Amino acid sequence: MSTTAEATAQLIYPPNVIANTSLMNVKFISSCFAGAAAGILGLENWSGFVLFLLSTLLTSACIYFINCRGKPSKYIHGGLLELINPGQDNAFTFVLVWTLFYGL
């Protein structure tokens, strides 16, 4: 078998994995900034989580229109649902930064 046939048969293409990792980093940084904003503004209870939801939706919309050009299933394995999903680690990061900045 030639190496090009093996490369096309690969299920995981390394450049795409690296690109998706950078998208996850953008979502992580967005949740950090949202947590800092919620803490500085002194938001409590549901209003802080609403800010997290809005920041997640805004970040996902920016990635959807700018990076994916309106076709997330072409670039992200899970499509739109994977793009909107904030992830458990980003939610925990938001709460951690929120409490840190609220306490300062």
Protein backbone atom coordinates (compact mmCIF):
# COMPACT_ATOMS: atom_id res chain seq x y z
CA MET A 1 0.00 0.00 0.00
CA SER A 2 1.15 3.48 -0.71
CA THR A 3 1.43 6.08 2.01
CA THR A 4 -1.19 8.35 0.39
CA ALA A 5 -3.80 5.58 0.53
CA GLU A 6 -3.00 5.04 4.21
CA ALA A 7 -3.21 8.76 4.90
CA THR A 8 -6.64 9.04 3.29
CA ALA A 9 -7.85 6.00 5.22
CA GLN A 10 -6.95 7.56 8.58
CA LEU A 11 -9.96 8.41 10.69
CA ILE A 12 -8.12 11.06 12.68
CA TYR A 13 -6.36 13.74 10.66
CA PRO A 14 -3.78 15.45 12.92
CA PRO A 15 -4.13 19.02 11.53
CA ASN A 16 -7.88 18.92 12.22
CA VAL A 17 -7.30 17.67 15.75
CA ILE A 18 -4.94 20.59 16.37
CA ALA A 19 -7.49 23.04 14.95
CA ASN A 20 -10.25 21.63 17.18
CA THR A 21 -7.95 21.91 20.20
CA SER A 22 -7.47 25.61 19.48
CA LEU A 23 -11.25 26.01 19.32
CA MET A 24 -11.54 24.42 22.75
CA ASN A 25 -8.88 26.83 24.02
CA VAL A 26 -10.96 29.76 22.77
CA LYS A 27 -14.01 28.43 24.62
CA PHE A 28 -11.90 27.93 27.76
CA ILE A 29 -10.58 31.51 27.68
CA SER A 30 -14.09 32.79 27.06
CA SER A 31 -15.36 31.02 30.17
CA CYS A 32 -12.46 32.50 32.18
CA PHE A 33 -13.31 36.02 31.06
CA ALA A 34 -17.01 35.45 31.71
CA GLY A 35 -16.21 34.23 35.23
CA ALA A 36 -14.03 37.28 35.85
CA ALA A 37 -16.77 39.57 34.58
CA ALA A 38 -19.40 37.88 36.76
CA GLY A 39 -17.17 38.22 39.81
CA ILE A 40 -16.25 41.85 39.18
CA LEU A 41 -19.88 42.77 38.54
CA GLY A 42 -20.84 41.01 41.77
CA LEU A 43 -23.41 38.76 40.11
CA GLU A 44 -24.99 36.14 42.32
CA ASN A 45 -27.05 33.00 41.78
CA TRP A 46 -28.75 32.59 38.41
CA SER A 47 -27.60 35.92 36.98
CA GLY A 48 -24.00 34.66 36.93
CA PHE A 49 -24.99 31.47 35.14
CA VAL A 50 -27.03 33.49 32.64
CA LEU A 51 -23.84 35.45 31.89
CA PHE A 52 -22.03 32.14 31.36
CA LEU A 53 -24.77 30.95 29.01
CA LEU A 54 -24.69 34.20 27.04
CA SER A 55 -20.91 34.17 26.76
CA THR A 56 -20.98 30.55 25.59
CA LEU A 57 -23.59 31.35 22.96
CA LEU A 58 -21.71 34.46 21.80
CA THR A 59 -18.43 32.55 21.54
CA SER A 60 -20.15 29.71 19.67
CA ALA A 61 -21.80 32.18 17.29
CA CYS A 62 -18.46 33.84 16.54
CA ILE A 63 -16.83 30.47 15.85
CA TYR A 64 -19.85 29.41 13.78
CA PHE A 65 -19.81 32.47 11.51
CA ILE A 66 -16.10 33.35 11.41
CA ASN A 67 -14.21 30.06 11.64
CA CYS A 68 -16.74 27.54 10.33
CA ARG A 69 -18.34 29.86 7.75
CA GLY A 70 -21.80 28.59 8.68
CA LYS A 71 -20.98 24.89 8.22
CA PRO A 72 -19.80 23.50 11.57
CA SER A 73 -20.36 19.86 10.62
CA LYS A 74 -17.68 20.27 7.95
CA TYR A 75 -15.07 21.34 10.51
CA ILE A 76 -16.20 19.91 13.86
CA HIS A 77 -17.03 16.23 14.35
CA GLY A 78 -20.17 16.78 16.45
CA GLY A 79 -21.49 19.66 14.36
CA LEU A 80 -23.52 22.47 15.90
CA LEU A 81 -24.29 20.64 19.15
CA GLU A 82 -20.60 20.07 19.83
CA LEU A 83 -19.91 23.72 19.08
CA ILE A 84 -22.54 24.99 21.54
CA ASN A 85 -21.70 22.48 24.29
CA PRO A 86 -19.67 24.39 26.92
CA GLY A 87 -18.11 21.27 28.41
CA GLN A 88 -17.86 20.34 32.05
CA ASP A 89 -14.33 21.68 32.48
CA ASN A 90 -15.31 25.11 31.11
CA ALA A 91 -18.27 25.31 33.48
CA PHE A 92 -16.03 24.45 36.44
CA THR A 93 -13.47 27.01 35.27
CA PHE A 94 -16.20 29.63 35.07
CA VAL A 95 -17.31 28.95 38.65
CA LEU A 96 -13.72 28.92 39.92
CA VAL A 97 -12.83 32.27 38.32
CA TRP A 98 -16.22 33.71 39.30
CA THR A 99 -15.68 32.93 42.98
CA LEU A 100 -12.08 34.14 42.83
CA PHE A 101 -13.00 37.55 41.42
CA TYR A 102 -16.11 37.83 43.59
CA GLY A 103 -13.99 37.30 46.69
CA LEU A 104 -11.43 39.91 45.74
